[in-house]
Amino acid sequence: MRRAFLYLLLLSVSGLLHGGQKSVVLIARADSKVSDLDSLTVRKLFMGWPVLVNGGPLHAIRNRSDEQLDEVFLQQVVAMSQSAYERQILTGLNRQGSIRPEDVTSQERVLQELLTDPNAVSFAWLRDVAHNPKIRVIRVLWSE
């Protein structure tokens, strides 16, 4: 009896630890031609530099629906502060004619944009997209 109780206690604690884990994932619509993007390519994409997959340009959608998600994006994806990122984007627009990633402030709109554009790529919390059959996770960008 005591052994069963300890076993159940251990299972519940491990479930709590696993359930609290957060992951940020790179996403596209389920039928997207994007199969994998390395870290450098993801950074280039969100810096506004052209990234082609099968001859077609990808479109970055910056998910700003959550403050912590945005912090992870700045620290782990582009490795810059907000002000440095904005300066780099503006410099790229002025000097190289790069394309500014679209800023979207709601998770629902991020998903709508992905579903209407086969070349769109964004990022989200894994928990928000894991059970959506219309969205495909390309890779994990960050995990706690």
N, C-alpha and C. Protein backbone atom coordinates (compact mmCIF):
# COMPACT_ATOMS: atom_id res chain seq x y z
N MET A 1 0.83 -1.19 0.00
CA MET A 1 0.00 0.00 0.00
C MET A 1 0.88 1.26 0.00
N ARG A 2 1.87 1.24 0.87
CA ARG A 2 2.75 2.40 0.96
C ARG A 2 3.53 2.59 -0.34
N ARG A 3 3.95 1.49 -0.94
CA ARG A 3 4.69 1.54 -2.20
C ARG A 3 3.81 2.12 -3.32
N ALA A 4 2.55 1.72 -3.35
CA ALA A 4 1.62 2.24 -4.36
C ALA A 4 1.43 3.75 -4.18
N PHE A 5 1.31 4.19 -2.94
CA PHE A 5 1.15 5.61 -2.65
C PHE A 5 2.37 6.40 -3.13
N LEU A 6 3.56 5.90 -2.84
CA LEU A 6 4.79 6.58 -3.27
C LEU A 6 4.88 6.62 -4.80
N TYR A 7 4.48 5.54 -5.44
CA TYR A 7 4.49 5.47 -6.89
C TYR A 7 3.54 6.52 -7.48
N LEU A 8 2.33 6.63 -6.94
CA LEU A 8 1.38 7.62 -7.41
C LEU A 8 1.88 9.04 -7.15
N LEU A 9 2.49 9.26 -6.01
CA LEU A 9 3.04 10.57 -5.69
C LEU A 9 4.14 10.94 -6.68
N LEU A 10 5.01 10.00 -6.98
CA LEU A 10 6.08 10.24 -7.93
C LEU A 10 5.53 10.56 -9.32
N LEU A 11 4.51 9.83 -9.75
CA LEU A 11 3.90 10.09 -11.05
C LEU A 11 3.28 11.48 -11.11
N SER A 12 2.60 11.88 -10.06
CA SER A 12 1.95 13.19 -10.07
C SER A 12 2.98 14.32 -10.06
N VAL A 13 4.06 14.17 -9.33
CA VAL A 13 5.10 15.19 -9.31
C VAL A 13 5.78 15.28 -10.67
N SER A 14 6.08 14.16 -11.29
CA SER A 14 6.73 14.20 -12.61
C SER A 14 5.78 14.78 -13.65
N GLY A 15 4.49 14.52 -13.51
CA GLY A 15 3.50 15.11 -14.41
C GLY A 15 3.43 16.61 -14.26
N LEU A 16 3.52 17.10 -13.04
CA LEU A 16 3.51 18.54 -12.81
C LEU A 16 4.75 19.19 -13.40
N LEU A 17 5.89 18.55 -13.24
CA LEU A 17 7.12 19.11 -13.79
C LEU A 17 7.06 19.15 -15.30
N HIS A 18 6.59 18.08 -15.91
CA HIS A 18 6.52 18.03 -17.36
C HIS A 18 5.47 19.00 -17.89
N GLY A 19 4.34 19.09 -17.19
CA GLY A 19 3.26 19.97 -17.62
C GLY A 19 3.65 21.44 -17.56
N GLY A 20 4.59 21.80 -16.72
CA GLY A 20 5.01 23.17 -16.59
C GLY A 20 6.05 23.59 -17.61
N GLN A 21 6.54 22.65 -18.40
CA GLN A 21 7.57 22.95 -19.39
C GLN A 21 6.98 23.83 -20.49
N LYS A 22 7.74 24.83 -20.92
CA LYS A 22 7.31 25.72 -21.99
C LYS A 22 8.26 25.55 -23.17
N SER A 23 7.68 25.55 -24.36
CA SER A 23 8.48 25.47 -25.58
C SER A 23 7.93 26.45 -26.60
N VAL A 24 8.85 27.11 -27.30
CA VAL A 24 8.48 27.98 -28.41
C VAL A 24 8.86 27.23 -29.68
N VAL A 25 7.91 27.16 -30.61
CA VAL A 25 8.13 26.39 -31.83
C VAL A 25 7.94 27.26 -33.07
N LEU A 26 8.65 26.92 -34.12
CA LEU A 26 8.49 27.54 -35.42
C LEU A 26 7.36 26.80 -36.12
N ILE A 27 6.41 27.55 -36.69
CA ILE A 27 5.23 26.92 -37.27
C ILE A 27 4.93 27.43 -38.68
N ALA A 28 4.22 26.60 -39.42
CA ALA A 28 3.70 26.96 -40.74
C ALA A 28 2.41 26.18 -40.92
N ARG A 29 1.70 26.46 -41.99
CA ARG A 29 0.48 25.68 -42.19
C ARG A 29 0.86 24.24 -42.56
N ALA A 30 -0.06 23.34 -42.35
CA ALA A 30 0.23 21.90 -42.46
C ALA A 30 0.76 21.50 -43.83
N ASP A 31 0.29 22.15 -44.90
CA ASP A 31 0.72 21.77 -46.25
C ASP A 31 1.86 22.64 -46.79
N SER A 32 2.52 23.36 -45.91
CA SER A 32 3.64 24.22 -46.31
C SER A 32 4.79 23.38 -46.86
N LYS A 33 5.53 23.98 -47.79
CA LYS A 33 6.70 23.29 -48.37
C LYS A 33 7.93 23.40 -47.47
N VAL A 34 7.82 24.17 -46.40
CA VAL A 34 8.93 24.33 -45.47
C VAL A 34 9.06 23.05 -44.66
N SER A 35 10.22 22.41 -44.76
CA SER A 35 10.41 21.17 -44.00
C SER A 35 11.30 21.39 -42.78
N ASP A 36 12.31 22.24 -42.93
CA ASP A 36 13.20 22.52 -41.81
C ASP A 36 13.96 23.80 -42.11
N LEU A 37 14.20 24.57 -41.08
CA LEU A 37 15.02 25.78 -41.19
C LEU A 37 16.00 25.78 -40.03
N ASP A 38 17.28 25.97 -40.33
CA ASP A 38 18.26 26.03 -39.24
C ASP A 38 18.17 27.37 -38.53
N SER A 39 18.86 27.50 -37.42
CA SER A 39 18.78 28.71 -36.59
C SER A 39 19.19 29.97 -37.34
N LEU A 40 20.23 29.89 -38.13
CA LEU A 40 20.70 31.05 -38.88
C LEU A 40 19.66 31.49 -39.91
N THR A 41 19.05 30.54 -40.58
CA THR A 41 18.03 30.86 -41.58
C THR A 41 16.80 31.48 -40.92
N VAL A 42 16.41 30.97 -39.76
CA VAL A 42 15.28 31.55 -39.03
C VAL A 42 15.60 32.99 -38.64
N ARG A 43 16.81 33.21 -38.17
CA ARG A 43 17.22 34.57 -37.80
C ARG A 43 17.18 35.49 -39.01
N LYS A 44 17.72 35.04 -40.14
CA LYS A 44 17.69 35.85 -41.37
C LYS A 44 16.25 36.19 -41.76
N LEU A 45 15.38 35.20 -41.70
CA LEU A 45 13.99 35.40 -42.07
C LEU A 45 13.34 36.50 -41.22
N PHE A 46 13.54 36.44 -39.91
CA PHE A 46 12.92 37.42 -39.02
C PHE A 46 13.68 38.75 -38.97
N MET A 47 14.84 38.80 -39.62
CA MET A 47 15.55 40.07 -39.78
C MET A 47 15.15 40.75 -41.09
N GLY A 48 14.31 40.09 -41.86
CA GLY A 48 13.81 40.68 -43.09
C GLY A 48 14.62 40.33 -44.33
N TRP A 49 15.61 39.47 -44.18
CA TRP A 49 16.40 39.07 -45.34
C TRP A 49 15.64 38.01 -46.13
N PRO A 50 15.81 37.99 -47.44
CA PRO A 50 15.08 37.00 -48.25
C PRO A 50 15.53 35.57 -47.96
N VAL A 51 14.55 34.72 -47.75
CA VAL A 51 14.79 33.28 -47.56
C VAL A 51 13.87 32.56 -48.53
N LEU A 52 14.46 31.73 -49.38
CA LEU A 52 13.69 31.01 -50.39
C LEU A 52 13.60 29.53 -50.02
N VAL A 53 12.43 28.96 -50.25
CA VAL A 53 12.22 27.52 -50.11
C VAL A 53 11.54 27.05 -51.39
N ASN A 54 12.17 26.13 -52.10
CA ASN A 54 11.67 25.65 -53.39
C ASN A 54 11.39 26.80 -54.34
N GLY A 55 12.25 27.81 -54.33
CA GLY A 55 12.13 28.94 -55.24
C GLY A 55 11.15 30.02 -54.81
N GLY A 56 10.42 29.80 -53.74
CA GLY A 56 9.45 30.79 -53.27
C GLY A 56 9.93 31.49 -52.01
N PRO A 57 9.69 32.80 -51.92
CA PRO A 57 10.12 33.54 -50.73
C PRO A 57 9.22 33.25 -49.53
N LEU A 58 9.84 33.10 -48.37
CA LEU A 58 9.08 32.92 -47.13
C LEU A 58 8.71 34.28 -46.56
N HIS A 59 7.60 34.31 -45.83
CA HIS A 59 7.13 35.53 -45.19
C HIS A 59 7.10 35.30 -43.69
N ALA A 60 7.82 36.14 -42.96
CA ALA A 60 7.87 36.02 -41.50
C ALA A 60 6.72 36.77 -40.86
N ILE A 61 6.09 36.13 -39.90
CA ILE A 61 5.04 36.76 -39.09
C ILE A 61 5.53 36.74 -37.65
N ARG A 62 5.76 37.92 -37.10
CA ARG A 62 6.23 38.02 -35.72
C ARG A 62 5.02 37.97 -34.79
N ASN A 63 4.98 36.96 -33.97
CA ASN A 63 3.88 36.75 -33.03
C ASN A 63 4.13 37.58 -31.78
N ARG A 64 3.37 38.66 -31.63
CA ARG A 64 3.54 39.54 -30.46
C ARG A 64 2.33 39.44 -29.54
N SER A 65 1.70 38.28 -29.52
CA SER A 65 0.49 38.09 -28.72
C SER A 65 0.76 37.90 -27.24
N ASP A 66 2.00 37.66 -26.87
CA ASP A 66 2.34 37.38 -25.48
C ASP A 66 3.70 38.01 -25.18
N GLU A 67 3.78 38.73 -24.08
CA GLU A 67 5.01 39.44 -23.73
C GLU A 67 6.19 38.49 -23.52
N GLN A 68 5.96 37.38 -22.83
CA GLN A 68 7.05 36.43 -22.59
C GLN A 68 7.49 35.76 -23.90
N LEU A 69 6.55 35.48 -24.78
CA LEU A 69 6.87 34.90 -26.08
C LEU A 69 7.74 35.87 -26.87
N ASP A 70 7.42 37.15 -26.82
CA ASP A 70 8.20 38.16 -27.52
C ASP A 70 9.61 38.26 -26.94
N GLU A 71 9.74 38.16 -25.62
CA GLU A 71 11.06 38.17 -24.99
C GLU A 71 11.91 36.98 -25.45
N VAL A 72 11.29 35.81 -25.52
CA VAL A 72 12.01 34.62 -25.99
C VAL A 72 12.46 34.83 -27.43
N PHE A 73 11.57 35.38 -28.26
CA PHE A 73 11.92 35.66 -29.65
C PHE A 73 13.15 36.57 -29.73
N LEU A 74 13.11 37.67 -28.99
CA LEU A 74 14.23 38.62 -29.04
C LEU A 74 15.53 38.00 -28.52
N GLN A 75 15.46 37.25 -27.44
CA GLN A 75 16.67 36.68 -26.84
C GLN A 75 17.18 35.46 -27.59
N GLN A 76 16.31 34.56 -27.98
CA GLN A 76 16.73 33.27 -28.52
C GLN A 76 16.76 33.19 -30.04
N VAL A 77 15.90 33.94 -30.72
CA VAL A 77 15.84 33.84 -32.19
C VAL A 77 16.73 34.88 -32.85
N VAL A 78 16.55 36.16 -32.50
CA VAL A 78 17.36 37.20 -33.13
C VAL A 78 18.51 37.68 -32.26
N ALA A 79 18.53 37.30 -30.99
CA ALA A 79 19.61 37.64 -30.05
C ALA A 79 19.87 39.14 -29.99
N MET A 80 18.80 39.90 -29.79
CA MET A 80 18.90 41.36 -29.71
C MET A 80 17.87 41.91 -28.75
N SER A 81 18.12 43.13 -28.31
CA SER A 81 17.10 43.85 -27.55
C SER A 81 16.04 44.36 -28.54
N GLN A 82 14.92 44.80 -28.02
CA GLN A 82 13.85 45.34 -28.88
C GLN A 82 14.36 46.52 -29.70
N SER A 83 15.06 47.45 -29.06
CA SER A 83 15.53 48.64 -29.78
C SER A 83 16.58 48.28 -30.85
N ALA A 84 17.48 47.37 -30.53
CA ALA A 84 18.48 46.94 -31.51
C ALA A 84 17.81 46.23 -32.69
N TYR A 85 16.82 45.42 -32.40
CA TYR A 85 16.08 44.72 -33.47
C TYR A 85 15.40 45.73 -34.39
N GLU A 86 14.72 46.70 -33.80
CA GLU A 86 14.04 47.72 -34.61
C GLU A 86 15.03 48.49 -35.47
N ARG A 87 16.18 48.85 -34.91
CA ARG A 87 17.20 49.56 -35.69
C ARG A 87 17.69 48.70 -36.86
N GLN A 88 17.95 47.42 -36.60
CA GLN A 88 18.42 46.53 -37.66
C GLN A 88 17.38 46.38 -38.77
N ILE A 89 16.12 46.27 -38.38
CA ILE A 89 15.04 46.15 -39.37
C ILE A 89 14.98 47.41 -40.23
N LEU A 90 15.02 48.58 -39.59
CA LEU A 90 14.97 49.84 -40.35
C LEU A 90 16.19 50.02 -41.24
N THR A 91 17.36 49.64 -40.75
CA THR A 91 18.57 49.71 -41.55
C THR A 91 18.45 48.81 -42.77
N GLY A 92 17.94 47.61 -42.58
CA GLY A 92 17.75 46.68 -43.69
C GLY A 92 16.76 47.19 -44.71
N LEU A 93 15.69 47.82 -44.23
CA LEU A 93 14.69 48.40 -45.13
C LEU A 93 15.30 49.50 -45.98
N ASN A 94 16.10 50.35 -45.35
CA ASN A 94 16.68 51.49 -46.06
C ASN A 94 17.83 51.11 -46.98
N ARG A 95 18.70 50.22 -46.54
CA ARG A 95 19.90 49.90 -47.32
C ARG A 95 19.70 48.78 -48.32
N GLN A 96 19.02 47.73 -47.92
CA GLN A 96 18.94 46.56 -48.78
C GLN A 96 17.55 46.30 -49.33
N GLY A 97 16.58 47.09 -48.94
CA GLY A 97 15.21 46.85 -49.41
C GLY A 97 14.62 45.58 -48.84
N SER A 98 15.05 45.20 -47.64
CA SER A 98 14.54 43.97 -47.04
C SER A 98 13.06 44.13 -46.68
N ILE A 99 12.42 43.04 -46.37
CA ILE A 99 10.99 43.02 -46.07
C ILE A 99 10.81 42.92 -44.56
N ARG A 100 10.10 43.89 -44.00
CA ARG A 100 9.85 43.89 -42.55
C ARG A 100 8.87 42.77 -42.21
N PRO A 101 9.22 41.93 -41.25
CA PRO A 101 8.27 40.90 -40.81
C PRO A 101 6.99 41.55 -40.29
N GLU A 102 5.88 40.94 -40.60
CA GLU A 102 4.59 41.46 -40.15
C GLU A 102 4.46 41.22 -38.65
N ASP A 103 4.09 42.26 -37.90
CA ASP A 103 3.83 42.14 -36.46
C ASP A 103 2.35 41.86 -36.26
N VAL A 104 2.05 40.79 -35.55
CA VAL A 104 0.65 40.43 -35.27
C VAL A 104 0.51 40.29 -33.76
N THR A 105 -0.56 40.89 -33.21
CA THR A 105 -0.70 40.96 -31.76
C THR A 105 -1.73 40.00 -31.17
N SER A 106 -2.31 39.12 -31.98
CA SER A 106 -3.22 38.12 -31.41
C SER A 106 -2.91 36.75 -32.01
N GLN A 107 -2.99 35.73 -31.16
CA GLN A 107 -2.70 34.36 -31.59
C GLN A 107 -3.66 33.93 -32.70
N GLU A 108 -4.92 34.32 -32.61
CA GLU A 108 -5.91 33.95 -33.63
C GLU A 108 -5.53 34.52 -34.99
N ARG A 109 -5.08 35.77 -34.99
CA ARG A 109 -4.70 36.39 -36.27
C ARG A 109 -3.43 35.76 -36.84
N VAL A 110 -2.50 35.37 -35.98
CA VAL A 110 -1.29 34.66 -36.45
C VAL A 110 -1.72 33.41 -37.20
N LEU A 111 -2.62 32.64 -36.61
CA LEU A 111 -3.09 31.41 -37.25
C LEU A 111 -3.82 31.71 -38.55
N GLN A 112 -4.63 32.77 -38.59
CA GLN A 112 -5.33 33.15 -39.83
C GLN A 112 -4.33 33.49 -40.93
N GLU A 113 -3.31 34.27 -40.58
CA GLU A 113 -2.29 34.65 -41.57
C GLU A 113 -1.55 33.43 -42.10
N LEU A 114 -1.22 32.50 -41.22
CA LEU A 114 -0.54 31.27 -41.65
C LEU A 114 -1.42 30.46 -42.59
N LEU A 115 -2.70 30.37 -42.28
CA LEU A 115 -3.60 29.55 -43.09
C LEU A 115 -3.89 30.17 -44.45
N THR A 116 -3.75 31.48 -44.59
CA THR A 116 -4.02 32.11 -45.88
C THR A 116 -2.77 32.23 -46.76
N ASP A 117 -1.60 32.08 -46.18
CA ASP A 117 -0.35 32.25 -46.93
C ASP A 117 0.50 30.98 -46.82
N PRO A 118 0.64 30.23 -47.91
CA PRO A 118 1.42 28.98 -47.85
C PRO A 118 2.91 29.20 -47.61
N ASN A 119 3.40 30.43 -47.77
CA ASN A 119 4.81 30.73 -47.55
C ASN A 119 5.07 31.45 -46.23
N ALA A 120 4.05 31.54 -45.39
CA ALA A 120 4.20 32.24 -44.11
C ALA A 120 4.77 31.31 -43.05
N VAL A 121 5.61 31.88 -42.19
CA VAL A 121 6.22 31.16 -41.08
C VAL A 121 6.12 32.06 -39.85
N SER A 122 5.81 31.46 -38.70
CA SER A 122 5.74 32.22 -37.46
C SER A 122 6.24 31.36 -36.32
N PHE A 123 6.00 31.80 -35.11
CA PHE A 123 6.38 31.05 -33.92
C PHE A 123 5.28 31.20 -32.89
N ALA A 124 5.20 30.22 -32.00
CA ALA A 124 4.14 30.23 -30.98
C ALA A 124 4.55 29.30 -29.85
N TRP A 125 3.81 29.40 -28.74
CA TRP A 125 3.97 28.42 -27.68
C TRP A 125 3.47 27.08 -28.21
N LEU A 126 4.18 26.02 -27.92
CA LEU A 126 3.77 24.69 -28.36
C LEU A 126 2.37 24.34 -27.87
N ARG A 127 2.06 24.70 -26.63
CA ARG A 127 0.75 24.37 -26.05
C ARG A 127 -0.40 25.00 -26.85
N ASP A 128 -0.14 26.11 -27.56
CA ASP A 128 -1.19 26.80 -28.31
C ASP A 128 -1.45 26.19 -29.68
N VAL A 129 -0.52 25.41 -30.20
CA VAL A 129 -0.68 24.89 -31.56
C VAL A 129 -0.56 23.37 -31.66
N ALA A 130 -0.24 22.71 -30.57
CA ALA A 130 0.06 21.27 -30.60
C ALA A 130 -1.09 20.43 -31.14
N HIS A 131 -2.31 20.82 -30.88
CA HIS A 131 -3.45 19.99 -31.28
C HIS A 131 -4.20 20.57 -32.48
N ASN A 132 -3.58 21.48 -33.21
CA ASN A 132 -4.22 22.08 -34.37
C ASN A 132 -3.77 21.33 -35.62
N PRO A 133 -4.66 20.58 -36.28
CA PRO A 133 -4.25 19.79 -37.44
C PRO A 133 -3.91 20.63 -38.67
N LYS A 134 -4.26 21.91 -38.66
CA LYS A 134 -3.97 22.78 -39.80
C LYS A 134 -2.60 23.43 -39.70
N ILE A 135 -1.95 23.27 -38.55
CA ILE A 135 -0.64 23.88 -38.30
C ILE A 135 0.40 22.79 -38.09
N ARG A 136 1.58 22.99 -38.68
CA ARG A 136 2.67 22.03 -38.52
C ARG A 136 3.83 22.69 -37.78
N VAL A 137 4.37 21.98 -36.82
CA VAL A 137 5.56 22.45 -36.11
C VAL A 137 6.78 22.08 -36.94
N ILE A 138 7.57 23.07 -37.27
CA ILE A 138 8.77 22.85 -38.07
C ILE A 138 9.94 22.47 -37.18
N ARG A 139 10.08 23.18 -36.07
CA ARG A 139 11.16 22.86 -35.13
C ARG A 139 10.92 23.59 -33.81
N VAL A 140 11.60 23.12 -32.78
CA VAL A 140 11.56 23.79 -31.48
C VAL A 140 12.64 24.86 -31.50
N LEU A 141 12.25 26.10 -31.18
CA LEU A 141 13.20 27.21 -31.13
C LEU A 141 13.80 27.40 -29.75
N TRP A 142 13.00 27.09 -28.73
CA TRP A 142 13.43 27.28 -27.35
C TRP A 142 12.59 26.41 -26.44
N SER A 143 13.19 25.89 -25.40
CA SER A 143 12.46 25.09 -24.43
C SER A 143 13.01 25.38 -23.05
N GLU A 144 12.12 25.50 -22.08
CA GLU A 144 12.50 25.79 -20.70
C GLU A 144 12.77 24.52 -19.95
